[in-house]
Amino acid sequence: MGLAADKLELIEWLTNLDDNETISYLKIVKNSKESNSDWWDDLTEDQKQAIERGLKDIDAGHVTTHAEVKKKYGL
């Protein structure tokens, strides 16, 4: 699939999207490309806390490999 087709697919998806959180995130991504600010500074406190929890889980070894998930769900 070429770049133009990818863009059209994303435009179609975005016009049908009814998820404020995803739209807000996409705006952050768009704006981060236009400025030199750090994307971390644009995250909400909830998003930062979720990332921190995930990093702590990884450090504590609370992870599931891709292979384990595939096996569990028969993929």
PDB file of N, CA and C in Angstrom:
ATOM      1  N   MET A   1       0.854  -1.176   0.000  1.00  0.00           N
ATOM      2  CA  MET A   1       0.000   0.000   0.000  1.00  0.00           C
ATOM      3  C   MET A   1       0.893   1.230   0.000  1.00  0.00           C
ATOM      4  N   GLY A   2       0.592   2.159  -0.864  1.00  0.00           N
ATOM      5  CA  GLY A   2       1.404   3.359  -0.975  1.00  0.00           C
ATOM      6  C   GLY A   2       1.026   4.406   0.062  1.00  0.00           C
ATOM      7  N   LEU A   3       1.842   5.431   0.130  1.00  0.00           N
ATOM      8  CA  LEU A   3       1.636   6.505   1.097  1.00  0.00           C
ATOM      9  C   LEU A   3       0.280   7.176   0.917  1.00  0.00           C
ATOM     10  N   ALA A   4      -0.100   7.445  -0.315  1.00  0.00           N
ATOM     11  CA  ALA A   4      -1.384   8.103  -0.568  1.00  0.00           C
ATOM     12  C   ALA A   4      -2.547   7.243  -0.075  1.00  0.00           C
ATOM     13  N   ALA A   5      -2.474   5.944  -0.315  1.00  0.00           N
ATOM     14  CA  ALA A   5      -3.530   5.033   0.142  1.00  0.00           C
ATOM     15  C   ALA A   5      -3.568   4.970   1.662  1.00  0.00           C
ATOM     16  N   ASP A   6      -2.397   4.975   2.307  1.00  0.00           N
ATOM     17  CA  ASP A   6      -2.333   4.988   3.766  1.00  0.00           C
ATOM     18  C   ASP A   6      -2.998   6.239   4.318  1.00  0.00           C
ATOM     19  N   LYS A   7      -2.721   7.377   3.688  1.00  0.00           N
ATOM     20  CA  LYS A   7      -3.314   8.638   4.135  1.00  0.00           C
ATOM     21  C   LYS A   7      -4.829   8.604   4.012  1.00  0.00           C
ATOM     22  N   LEU A   8      -5.319   8.116   2.881  1.00  0.00           N
ATOM     23  CA  LEU A   8      -6.762   8.041   2.683  1.00  0.00           C
ATOM     24  C   LEU A   8      -7.419   7.110   3.699  1.00  0.00           C
ATOM     25  N   GLU A   9      -6.774   5.999   3.982  1.00  0.00           N
ATOM     26  CA  GLU A   9      -7.297   5.056   4.975  1.00  0.00           C
ATOM     27  C   GLU A   9      -7.382   5.723   6.351  1.00  0.00           C
ATOM     28  N   LEU A  10      -6.340   6.471   6.711  1.00  0.00           N
ATOM     29  CA  LEU A  10      -6.339   7.167   8.000  1.00  0.00           C
ATOM     30  C   LEU A  10      -7.390   8.270   8.046  1.00  0.00           C
ATOM     31  N   ILE A  11      -7.562   8.995   6.956  1.00  0.00           N
ATOM     32  CA  ILE A  11      -8.581  10.050   6.909  1.00  0.00           C
ATOM     33  C   ILE A  11      -9.966   9.446   7.106  1.00  0.00           C
ATOM     34  N   GLU A  12     -10.240   8.351   6.425  1.00  0.00           N
ATOM     35  CA  GLU A  12     -11.540   7.692   6.562  1.00  0.00           C
ATOM     36  C   GLU A  12     -11.756   7.230   8.006  1.00  0.00           C
ATOM     37  N   TRP A  13     -10.734   6.609   8.586  1.00  0.00           N
ATOM     38  CA  TRP A  13     -10.817   6.134   9.964  1.00  0.00           C
ATOM     39  C   TRP A  13     -11.067   7.302  10.922  1.00  0.00           C
ATOM     40  N   LEU A  14     -10.335   8.389  10.723  1.00  0.00           N
ATOM     41  CA  LEU A  14     -10.437   9.540  11.614  1.00  0.00           C
ATOM     42  C   LEU A  14     -11.806  10.206  11.521  1.00  0.00           C
ATOM     43  N   THR A  15     -12.378  10.286  10.336  1.00  0.00           N
ATOM     44  CA  THR A  15     -13.688  10.924  10.198  1.00  0.00           C
ATOM     45  C   THR A  15     -14.779  10.123  10.890  1.00  0.00           C
ATOM     46  N   ASN A  16     -14.588   8.836  11.064  1.00  0.00           N
ATOM     47  CA  ASN A  16     -15.572   7.995  11.747  1.00  0.00           C
ATOM     48  C   ASN A  16     -15.252   7.791  13.229  1.00  0.00           C
ATOM     49  N   LEU A  17     -14.134   8.310  13.678  1.00  0.00           N
ATOM     50  CA  LEU A  17     -13.688   8.106  15.054  1.00  0.00           C
ATOM     51  C   LEU A  17     -14.523   8.947  16.008  1.00  0.00           C
ATOM     52  N   ASP A  18     -15.022   8.306  17.058  1.00  0.00           N
ATOM     53  CA  ASP A  18     -15.819   9.007  18.066  1.00  0.00           C
ATOM     54  C   ASP A  18     -15.224   8.728  19.449  1.00  0.00           C
ATOM     55  N   ASP A  19     -13.940   8.981  19.580  1.00  0.00           N
ATOM     56  CA  ASP A  19     -13.215   8.702  20.815  1.00  0.00           C
ATOM     57  C   ASP A  19     -12.363   9.919  21.148  1.00  0.00           C
ATOM     58  N   ASN A  20     -12.843  10.721  22.096  1.00  0.00           N
ATOM     59  CA  ASN A  20     -12.160  11.969  22.440  1.00  0.00           C
ATOM     60  C   ASN A  20     -10.724  11.751  22.897  1.00  0.00           C
ATOM     61  N   GLU A  21     -10.477  10.671  23.639  1.00  0.00           N
ATOM     62  CA  GLU A  21      -9.124  10.421  24.141  1.00  0.00           C
ATOM     63  C   GLU A  21      -8.150  10.172  22.985  1.00  0.00           C
ATOM     64  N   THR A  22      -8.565   9.376  22.010  1.00  0.00           N
ATOM     65  CA  THR A  22      -7.707   9.097  20.867  1.00  0.00           C
ATOM     66  C   THR A  22      -7.483  10.356  20.037  1.00  0.00           C
ATOM     67  N   ILE A  23      -8.524  11.133  19.844  1.00  0.00           N
ATOM     68  CA  ILE A  23      -8.386  12.377  19.089  1.00  0.00           C
ATOM     69  C   ILE A  23      -7.438  13.328  19.813  1.00  0.00           C
ATOM     70  N   SER A  24      -7.565  13.430  21.136  1.00  0.00           N
ATOM     71  CA  SER A  24      -6.655  14.287  21.907  1.00  0.00           C
ATOM     72  C   SER A  24      -5.214  13.818  21.759  1.00  0.00           C
ATOM     73  N   TYR A  25      -5.004  12.508  21.805  1.00  0.00           N
ATOM     74  CA  TYR A  25      -3.664  11.955  21.646  1.00  0.00           C
ATOM     75  C   TYR A  25      -3.113  12.276  20.262  1.00  0.00           C
ATOM     76  N   LEU A  26      -3.937  12.116  19.242  1.00  0.00           N
ATOM     77  CA  LEU A  26      -3.479  12.404  17.885  1.00  0.00           C
ATOM     78  C   LEU A  26      -3.118  13.879  17.716  1.00  0.00           C
ATOM     79  N   LYS A  27      -3.850  14.753  18.380  1.00  0.00           N
ATOM     80  CA  LYS A  27      -3.511  16.177  18.334  1.00  0.00           C
ATOM     81  C   LYS A  27      -2.155  16.423  18.986  1.00  0.00           C
ATOM     82  N   ILE A  28      -1.880  15.710  20.075  1.00  0.00           N
ATOM     83  CA  ILE A  28      -0.582  15.831  20.740  1.00  0.00           C
ATOM     84  C   ILE A  28       0.525  15.391  19.785  1.00  0.00           C
ATOM     85  N   VAL A  29       0.320  14.272  19.120  1.00  0.00           N
ATOM     86  CA  VAL A  29       1.322  13.777  18.164  1.00  0.00           C
ATOM     87  C   VAL A  29       1.536  14.798  17.055  1.00  0.00           C
ATOM     88  N   LYS A  30       0.444  15.323  16.507  1.00  0.00           N
ATOM     89  CA  LYS A  30       0.541  16.326  15.441  1.00  0.00           C
ATOM     90  C   LYS A  30       1.300  17.553  15.911  1.00  0.00           C
ATOM     91  N   ASN A  31       0.931  18.060  17.076  1.00  0.00           N
ATOM     92  CA  ASN A  31       1.571  19.269  17.595  1.00  0.00           C
ATOM     93  C   ASN A  31       3.031  19.038  17.956  1.00  0.00           C
ATOM     94  N   SER A  32       3.366  17.838  18.386  1.00  0.00           N
ATOM     95  CA  SER A  32       4.757  17.563  18.757  1.00  0.00           C
ATOM     96  C   SER A  32       5.661  17.589  17.527  1.00  0.00           C
ATOM     97  N   LYS A  33       5.118  17.265  16.371  1.00  0.00           N
ATOM     98  CA  LYS A  33       5.898  17.322  15.134  1.00  0.00           C
ATOM     99  C   LYS A  33       6.152  18.768  14.720  1.00  0.00           C
ATOM    100  N   GLU A  34       5.276  19.667  15.167  1.00  0.00           N
ATOM    101  CA  GLU A  34       5.383  21.072  14.783  1.00  0.00           C
ATOM    102  C   GLU A  34       6.247  21.885  15.742  1.00  0.00           C
ATOM    103  N   SER A  35       6.555  21.307  16.894  1.00  0.00           N
ATOM    104  CA  SER A  35       7.359  22.046  17.872  1.00  0.00           C
ATOM    105  C   SER A  35       8.511  21.175  18.334  1.00  0.00           C
ATOM    106  N   ASN A  36       9.385  21.755  19.095  1.00  0.00           N
ATOM    107  CA  ASN A  36      10.524  21.008  19.616  1.00  0.00           C
ATOM    108  C   ASN A  36      10.309  20.583  21.062  1.00  0.00           C
ATOM    109  N   SER A  37       9.064  20.633  21.535  1.00  0.00           N
ATOM    110  CA  SER A  37       8.797  20.270  22.921  1.00  0.00           C
ATOM    111  C   SER A  37       8.857  18.754  23.096  1.00  0.00           C
ATOM    112  N   ASP A  38       9.044  18.341  24.315  1.00  0.00           N
ATOM    113  CA  ASP A  38       9.083  16.923  24.649  1.00  0.00           C
ATOM    114  C   ASP A  38       7.649  16.415  24.776  1.00  0.00           C
ATOM    115  N   TRP A  39       7.332  15.317  24.109  1.00  0.00           N
ATOM    116  CA  TRP A  39       5.971  14.788  24.124  1.00  0.00           C
ATOM    117  C   TRP A  39       5.502  14.469  25.539  1.00  0.00           C
ATOM    118  N   TRP A  40       6.410  14.100  26.433  1.00  0.00           N
ATOM    119  CA  TRP A  40       6.052  13.770  27.811  1.00  0.00           C
ATOM    120  C   TRP A  40       5.331  14.945  28.477  1.00  0.00           C
ATOM    121  N   ASP A  41       5.777  16.148  28.178  1.00  0.00           N
ATOM    122  CA  ASP A  41       5.186  17.334  28.790  1.00  0.00           C
ATOM    123  C   ASP A  41       3.741  17.552  28.353  1.00  0.00           C
ATOM    124  N   ASP A  42       3.349  16.966  27.234  1.00  0.00           N
ATOM    125  CA  ASP A  42       1.994  17.141  26.717  1.00  0.00           C
ATOM    126  C   ASP A  42       1.018  16.074  27.193  1.00  0.00           C
ATOM    127  N   LEU A  43       1.519  15.057  27.899  1.00  0.00           N
ATOM    128  CA  LEU A  43       0.647  14.001  28.395  1.00  0.00           C
ATOM    129  C   LEU A  43      -0.127  14.474  29.616  1.00  0.00           C
ATOM    130  N   THR A  44      -1.304  13.860  29.815  1.00  0.00           N
ATOM    131  CA  THR A  44      -2.066  14.143  31.026  1.00  0.00           C
ATOM    132  C   THR A  44      -1.409  13.418  32.197  1.00  0.00           C
ATOM    133  N   GLU A  45      -1.780  13.806  33.403  1.00  0.00           N
ATOM    134  CA  GLU A  45      -1.231  13.125  34.587  1.00  0.00           C
ATOM    135  C   GLU A  45      -1.628  11.659  34.594  1.00  0.00           C
ATOM    136  N   ASP A  46      -2.862  11.346  34.171  1.00  0.00           N
ATOM    137  CA  ASP A  46      -3.299   9.950  34.107  1.00  0.00           C
ATOM    138  C   ASP A  46      -2.438   9.142  33.140  1.00  0.00           C
ATOM    139  N   GLN A  47      -2.113   9.725  31.999  1.00  0.00           N
ATOM    140  CA  GLN A  47      -1.277   9.032  31.025  1.00  0.00           C
ATOM    141  C   GLN A  47       0.129   8.806  31.571  1.00  0.00           C
ATOM    142  N   LYS A  48       0.677   9.815  32.236  1.00  0.00           N
ATOM    143  CA  LYS A  48       2.014   9.673  32.825  1.00  0.00           C
ATOM    144  C   LYS A  48       2.025   8.593  33.895  1.00  0.00           C
ATOM    145  N   GLN A  49       0.981   8.585  34.738  1.00  0.00           N
ATOM    146  CA  GLN A  49       0.913   7.586  35.798  1.00  0.00           C
ATOM    147  C   GLN A  49       0.779   6.179  35.220  1.00  0.00           C
ATOM    148  N   ALA A  50       0.013   6.038  34.152  1.00  0.00           N
ATOM    149  CA  ALA A  50      -0.142   4.726  33.516  1.00  0.00           C
ATOM    150  C   ALA A  50       1.193   4.231  32.963  1.00  0.00           C
ATOM    151  N   ILE A  51       1.949   5.117  32.353  1.00  0.00           N
ATOM    152  CA  ILE A  51       3.268   4.748  31.831  1.00  0.00           C
ATOM    153  C   ILE A  51       4.192   4.349  32.975  1.00  0.00           C
ATOM    154  N   GLU A  52       4.178   5.127  34.047  1.00  0.00           N
ATOM    155  CA  GLU A  52       5.026   4.806  35.206  1.00  0.00           C
ATOM    156  C   GLU A  52       4.654   3.445  35.798  1.00  0.00           C
ATOM    157  N   ARG A  53       3.346   3.146  35.883  1.00  0.00           N
ATOM    158  CA  ARG A  53       2.911   1.834  36.396  1.00  0.00           C
ATOM    159  C   ARG A  53       3.423   0.723  35.486  1.00  0.00           C
ATOM    160  N   GLY A  54       3.336   0.944  34.190  1.00  0.00           N
ATOM    161  CA  GLY A  54       3.816  -0.059  33.243  1.00  0.00           C
ATOM    162  C   GLY A  54       5.310  -0.299  33.371  1.00  0.00           C
ATOM    163  N   LEU A  55       6.075   0.770  33.548  1.00  0.00           N
ATOM    164  CA  LEU A  55       7.526   0.626  33.711  1.00  0.00           C
ATOM    165  C   LEU A  55       7.866  -0.109  35.002  1.00  0.00           C
ATOM    166  N   LYS A  56       7.105   0.161  36.073  1.00  0.00           N
ATOM    167  CA  LYS A  56       7.323  -0.557  37.333  1.00  0.00           C
ATOM    168  C   LYS A  56       6.991  -2.032  37.180  1.00  0.00           C
ATOM    169  N   ASP A  57       5.926  -2.343  36.446  1.00  0.00           N
ATOM    170  CA  ASP A  57       5.591  -3.740  36.183  1.00  0.00           C
ATOM    171  C   ASP A  57       6.719  -4.447  35.441  1.00  0.00           C
ATOM    172  N   ILE A  58       7.279  -3.775  34.449  1.00  0.00           N
ATOM    173  CA  ILE A  58       8.390  -4.364  33.695  1.00  0.00           C
ATOM    174  C   ILE A  58       9.577  -4.608  34.615  1.00  0.00           C
ATOM    175  N   ASP A  59       9.922  -3.617  35.438  1.00  0.00           N
ATOM    176  CA  ASP A  59      11.052  -3.763  36.362  1.00  0.00           C
ATOM    177  C   ASP A  59      10.837  -4.902  37.342  1.00  0.00           C
ATOM    178  N   ALA A  60       9.567  -5.121  37.744  1.00  0.00           N
ATOM    179  CA  ALA A  60       9.250  -6.171  38.706  1.00  0.00           C
ATOM    180  C   ALA A  60       9.076  -7.532  38.037  1.00  0.00           C
ATOM    181  N   GLY A  61       9.201  -7.571  36.726  1.00  0.00           N
ATOM    182  CA  GLY A  61       9.075  -8.837  36.007  1.00  0.00           C
ATOM    183  C   GLY A  61       7.641  -9.244  35.736  1.00  0.00           C
ATOM    184  N   HIS A  62       6.694  -8.341  35.941  1.00  0.00           N
ATOM    185  CA  HIS A  62       5.285  -8.638  35.678  1.00  0.00           C
ATOM    186  C   HIS A  62       4.975  -8.378  34.213  1.00  0.00           C
ATOM    187  N   VAL A  63       5.455  -9.278  33.377  1.00  0.00           N
ATOM    188  CA  VAL A  63       5.269  -9.133  31.939  1.00  0.00           C
ATOM    189  C   VAL A  63       4.785 -10.445  31.343  1.00  0.00           C
ATOM    190  N   THR A  64       4.149 -10.355  30.212  1.00  0.00           N
ATOM    191  CA  THR A  64       3.721 -11.521  29.451  1.00  0.00           C
ATOM    192  C   THR A  64       4.290 -11.370  28.051  1.00  0.00           C
ATOM    193  N   THR A  65       4.969 -12.396  27.595  1.00  0.00           N
ATOM    194  CA  THR A  65       5.580 -12.312  26.273  1.00  0.00           C
ATOM    195  C   THR A  65       4.521 -12.431  25.183  1.00  0.00           C
ATOM    196  N   HIS A  66       4.879 -11.960  24.022  1.00  0.00           N
ATOM    197  CA  HIS A  66       4.007 -12.062  22.858  1.00  0.00           C
ATOM    198  C   HIS A  66       3.680 -13.523  22.580  1.00  0.00           C
ATOM    199  N   ALA A  67       4.669 -14.388  22.684  1.00  0.00           N
ATOM    200  CA  ALA A  67       4.470 -15.818  22.438  1.00  0.00           C
ATOM    201  C   ALA A  67       3.479 -16.417  23.425  1.00  0.00           C
ATOM    202  N   GLU A  68       3.545 -15.997  24.700  1.00  0.00           N
ATOM    203  CA  GLU A  68       2.605 -16.501  25.709  1.00  0.00           C
ATOM    204  C   GLU A  68       1.168 -16.079  25.404  1.00  0.00           C
ATOM    205  N   VAL A  69       0.995 -14.851  24.969  1.00  0.00           N
ATOM    206  CA  VAL A  69      -0.345 -14.362  24.630  1.00  0.00           C
ATOM    207  C   VAL A  69      -0.892 -15.135  23.423  1.00  0.00           C
ATOM    208  N   LYS A  70      -0.054 -15.318  22.411  1.00  0.00           N
ATOM    209  CA  LYS A  70      -0.477 -16.061  21.234  1.00  0.00           C
ATOM    210  C   LYS A  70      -0.892 -17.479  21.605  1.00  0.00           C
ATOM    211  N   LYS A  71      -0.115 -18.124  22.465  1.00  0.00           N
ATOM    212  CA  LYS A  71      -0.435 -19.495  22.883  1.00  0.00           C
ATOM    213  C   LYS A  71      -1.745 -19.525  23.661  1.00  0.00           C
ATOM    214  N   LYS A  72      -1.917 -18.584  24.577  1.00  0.00           N
ATOM    215  CA  LYS A  72      -3.119 -18.533  25.416  1.00  0.00           C
ATOM    216  C   LYS A  72      -4.383 -18.393  24.571  1.00  0.00           C
ATOM    217  N   TYR A  73      -4.323 -17.586  23.521  1.00  0.00           N
ATOM    218  CA  TYR A  73      -5.492 -17.318  22.695  1.00  0.00           C
ATOM    219  C   TYR A  73      -5.522 -18.111  21.393  1.00  0.00           C
ATOM    220  N   GLY A  74      -4.599 -19.069  21.282  1.00  0.00           N
ATOM    221  CA  GLY A  74      -4.597 -19.953  20.123  1.00  0.00           C
ATOM    222  C   GLY A  74      -4.283 -19.265  18.813  1.00  0.00           C
ATOM    223  N   LEU A  75      -3.395 -18.306  18.878  1.00  0.00           N
ATOM    224  CA  LEU A  75      -3.020 -17.564  17.658  1.00  0.00           C
ATOM    225  C   LEU A  75      -1.746 -18.102  17.049  1.00  0.00           C
TER     226      LEU A  75
END
